Amino acid sequence: EWELSYRLGMRPWIFVAFSAPVAAASAVFLVYPIGQGSFSDGMPLGISGTFNFMIVFQAEHNILMHPFHMAGVAGVFGGSLFSAMHGSLVTSSLIRETSENESVNYGYKFGQEEETYNIVAAHGYFGRLIFQYASFNNSRALHFFLAAWPVVGIWLTSLGISTMAFNLNGFNFNQS
């Protein structure tokens, strides 16, 4: 995938981001059935089959108490929260290139080199909103964090499912 994303003109890290859903699909469709000894234990396709798999998985392995699942939930929901906060900060600190009568969106072209928003203003506002060191003053570090947080969370959830495939369950206080 690294070479494919390079040849398509994308950043080579795209393949790292797409490794998370590949790891998740591999965990529920391949690793878990192999660990349980039968492909009938794997997740079927479809809505009702997926929900049934989730309920049975919780009943047999108590995934909600597994630390990797907890980290995965924090990764996915945290990534959504961080992306929404980033979008609102960018929208509120756009650098206007048009007149007041035109939409601010007309002043930008997709993929342009110039900055579209004032990161110093966004950083200052967010630092006062939460606390001073809670915000990023480096755009690359910020966008790396926005990309890496949910990806690492999905990796950890996949790792949790893969360990439970071989009955290495999480903190299960009801059974031994």
Protein backbone atom coordinates (compact mmCIF):
# COMPACT_ATOMS: atom_id res chain seq x y z
CA GLU A 1 0.00 0.00 0.00
CA TRP A 2 2.94 2.32 0.63
CA GLU A 3 3.98 2.17 -3.02
CA LEU A 4 0.38 2.49 -4.23
CA SER A 5 -0.23 5.64 -2.19
CA TYR A 6 3.11 7.05 -3.41
CA ARG A 7 2.25 6.38 -7.06
CA LEU A 8 -1.17 7.99 -6.65
CA GLY A 9 0.47 11.14 -5.33
CA MET A 10 -0.83 10.73 -1.78
CA ARG A 11 1.24 10.99 1.35
CA PRO A 12 2.87 7.65 2.12
CA TRP A 13 1.34 7.59 5.60
CA ILE A 14 -2.11 6.93 4.14
CA PHE A 15 -1.38 3.22 4.24
CA VAL A 16 -0.69 3.42 7.99
CA ALA A 17 -4.13 4.94 8.54
CA PHE A 18 -5.81 2.26 6.43
CA SER A 19 -3.99 -0.46 8.37
CA ALA A 20 -6.40 0.14 11.29
CA PRO A 21 -9.59 -1.03 9.51
CA VAL A 22 -7.60 -3.85 7.90
CA ALA A 23 -6.42 -4.95 11.35
CA ALA A 24 -9.97 -4.74 12.72
CA ALA A 25 -11.44 -6.76 9.87
CA SER A 26 -8.66 -9.33 10.14
CA ALA A 27 -9.28 -9.66 13.87
CA VAL A 28 -13.01 -10.39 13.62
CA PHE A 29 -13.03 -12.32 10.32
CA LEU A 30 -9.80 -14.35 10.59
CA VAL A 31 -7.99 -14.30 13.94
CA TYR A 32 -11.02 -14.77 16.20
CA PRO A 33 -12.48 -17.75 14.28
CA ILE A 34 -9.07 -19.41 14.09
CA GLY A 35 -8.52 -18.88 17.82
CA GLN A 36 -11.96 -20.25 18.68
CA GLY A 37 -11.52 -23.23 16.38
CA SER A 38 -14.33 -22.63 13.90
CA PHE A 39 -15.22 -20.06 11.30
CA SER A 40 -18.82 -20.28 12.47
CA ASP A 41 -17.64 -18.28 15.52
CA GLY A 42 -16.50 -15.39 13.32
CA MET A 43 -18.50 -12.27 12.65
CA PRO A 44 -21.05 -12.74 9.88
CA LEU A 45 -21.87 -10.04 7.38
CA GLY A 46 -25.05 -8.02 7.87
CA ILE A 47 -26.58 -5.90 10.60
CA SER A 48 -28.32 -8.56 12.68
CA GLY A 49 -25.35 -10.92 12.44
CA THR A 50 -22.99 -8.17 13.56
CA PHE A 51 -25.16 -7.28 16.56
CA ASN A 52 -25.52 -10.95 17.46
CA PHE A 53 -21.72 -11.34 17.26
CA MET A 54 -21.25 -8.36 19.56
CA ILE A 55 -23.72 -9.67 22.15
CA VAL A 56 -22.24 -13.18 22.11
CA PHE A 57 -18.71 -11.77 22.26
CA GLN A 58 -19.61 -9.71 25.32
CA ALA A 59 -21.31 -12.71 26.97
CA GLU A 60 -18.37 -15.03 26.38
CA HIS A 61 -15.40 -12.70 26.86
CA ASN A 62 -16.60 -9.56 28.70
CA ILE A 63 -14.93 -7.24 26.18
CA LEU A 64 -16.26 -4.12 27.88
CA MET A 65 -13.86 -4.73 30.77
CA HIS A 66 -10.82 -5.29 28.54
CA PRO A 67 -8.23 -2.47 28.71
CA PHE A 68 -7.55 -2.61 24.96
CA HIS A 69 -11.25 -2.15 24.23
CA MET A 70 -11.40 0.78 26.63
CA ALA A 71 -8.43 2.37 24.88
CA GLY A 72 -10.08 1.76 21.51
CA VAL A 73 -13.30 3.46 22.59
CA ALA A 74 -11.28 6.39 23.92
CA GLY A 75 -9.42 6.49 20.60
CA VAL A 76 -12.47 6.50 18.35
CA PHE A 77 -14.65 8.82 20.41
CA GLY A 78 -11.69 10.99 21.38
CA GLY A 79 -10.70 11.28 17.73
CA SER A 80 -14.22 12.42 16.88
CA LEU A 81 -14.18 14.98 19.66
CA PHE A 82 -10.72 16.28 18.72
CA SER A 83 -11.67 16.54 15.05
CA ALA A 84 -14.84 18.46 15.87
CA MET A 85 -12.92 20.84 18.15
CA HIS A 86 -10.26 21.32 15.47
CA GLY A 87 -12.89 22.08 12.84
CA SER A 88 -14.59 24.65 15.03
CA LEU A 89 -11.29 26.35 15.87
CA VAL A 90 -10.27 26.47 12.19
CA THR A 91 -13.66 27.83 11.15
CA SER A 92 -13.54 30.53 13.80
CA SER A 93 -10.01 31.66 12.87
CA LEU A 94 -10.11 31.66 9.05
CA ILE A 95 -8.06 34.29 7.26
CA ARG A 96 -10.50 36.23 5.09
CA GLU A 97 -9.45 36.58 1.44
CA THR A 98 -12.79 37.90 0.15
CA SER A 99 -15.04 40.86 0.80
CA GLU A 100 -17.79 40.86 3.40
CA ASN A 101 -20.42 40.29 0.69
CA GLU A 102 -18.86 37.04 -0.55
CA SER A 103 -18.55 33.71 1.15
CA VAL A 104 -15.25 33.17 2.92
CA ASN A 105 -14.96 29.86 1.03
CA TYR A 106 -14.43 31.63 -2.33
CA GLY A 107 -10.99 32.82 -1.23
CA TYR A 108 -9.44 29.35 -1.12
CA LYS A 109 -8.42 26.70 -3.58
CA PHE A 110 -8.12 23.03 -2.65
CA GLY A 111 -4.50 22.12 -1.98
CA GLN A 112 -3.18 25.68 -1.85
CA GLU A 113 0.20 26.28 -0.22
CA GLU A 114 -0.76 29.31 1.88
CA GLU A 115 -2.26 28.90 5.30
CA THR A 116 -6.01 29.22 5.48
CA TYR A 117 -6.40 29.94 9.16
CA ASN A 118 -4.49 31.70 11.89
CA ILE A 119 -3.07 28.95 14.09
CA VAL A 120 -1.77 31.50 16.61
CA ALA A 121 -5.29 32.83 17.19
CA ALA A 122 -6.74 29.32 17.44
CA HIS A 123 -3.92 28.23 19.77
CA GLY A 124 -4.39 31.28 21.97
CA TYR A 125 -8.15 30.82 22.24
CA PHE A 126 -7.96 27.11 22.97
CA GLY A 127 -5.17 27.65 25.47
CA ARG A 128 -7.36 30.10 27.37
CA LEU A 129 -10.42 27.87 27.05
CA ILE A 130 -8.86 24.74 28.58
CA PHE A 131 -5.39 25.56 29.91
CA GLN A 132 -2.30 27.01 28.31
CA TYR A 133 -0.46 23.82 27.41
CA ALA A 134 -3.53 21.88 26.20
CA SER A 135 -3.21 23.20 22.65
CA PHE A 136 -0.69 22.66 19.89
CA ASN A 137 1.34 25.53 18.47
CA ASN A 138 2.74 23.36 15.69
CA SER A 139 0.40 22.47 12.82
CA ARG A 140 2.22 19.25 11.92
CA ALA A 141 2.13 17.93 15.48
CA LEU A 142 -1.56 18.79 15.72
CA HIS A 143 -2.50 17.01 12.51
CA PHE A 144 -0.33 14.01 13.40
CA PHE A 145 -2.21 13.77 16.70
CA LEU A 146 -5.58 14.04 14.94
CA ALA A 147 -4.62 11.18 12.63
CA ALA A 148 -2.76 8.95 15.08
CA TRP A 149 -5.18 8.99 18.03
CA PRO A 150 -8.08 7.04 16.42
CA VAL A 151 -5.73 4.78 14.43
CA VAL A 152 -3.89 3.64 17.55
CA GLY A 153 -7.25 3.16 19.29
CA ILE A 154 -8.51 0.86 16.53
CA TRP A 155 -5.20 -1.04 16.58
CA LEU A 156 -5.58 -1.61 20.32
CA THR A 157 -9.18 -2.80 19.95
CA SER A 158 -8.07 -5.22 17.23
CA LEU A 159 -5.34 -6.45 19.54
CA GLY A 160 -7.92 -6.96 22.29
CA ILE A 161 -10.14 -9.06 20.02
CA SER A 162 -7.11 -11.03 18.87
CA THR A 163 -6.07 -11.82 22.44
CA MET A 164 -9.61 -12.83 23.36
CA ALA A 165 -9.65 -15.16 20.38
CA PHE A 166 -7.31 -17.37 22.38
CA ASN A 167 -9.34 -16.87 25.60
CA LEU A 168 -6.96 -14.35 27.15
CA ASN A 169 -9.84 -12.32 28.49
CA GLY A 170 -9.75 -8.93 30.15
CA PHE A 171 -10.65 -8.11 33.74
CA ASN A 172 -13.38 -10.68 34.19
CA PHE A 173 -14.39 -10.76 37.84
CA ASN A 174 -17.30 -13.17 37.36
CA GLN A 175 -15.35 -16.18 36.10
CA SER A 176 -11.87 -17.54 36.50
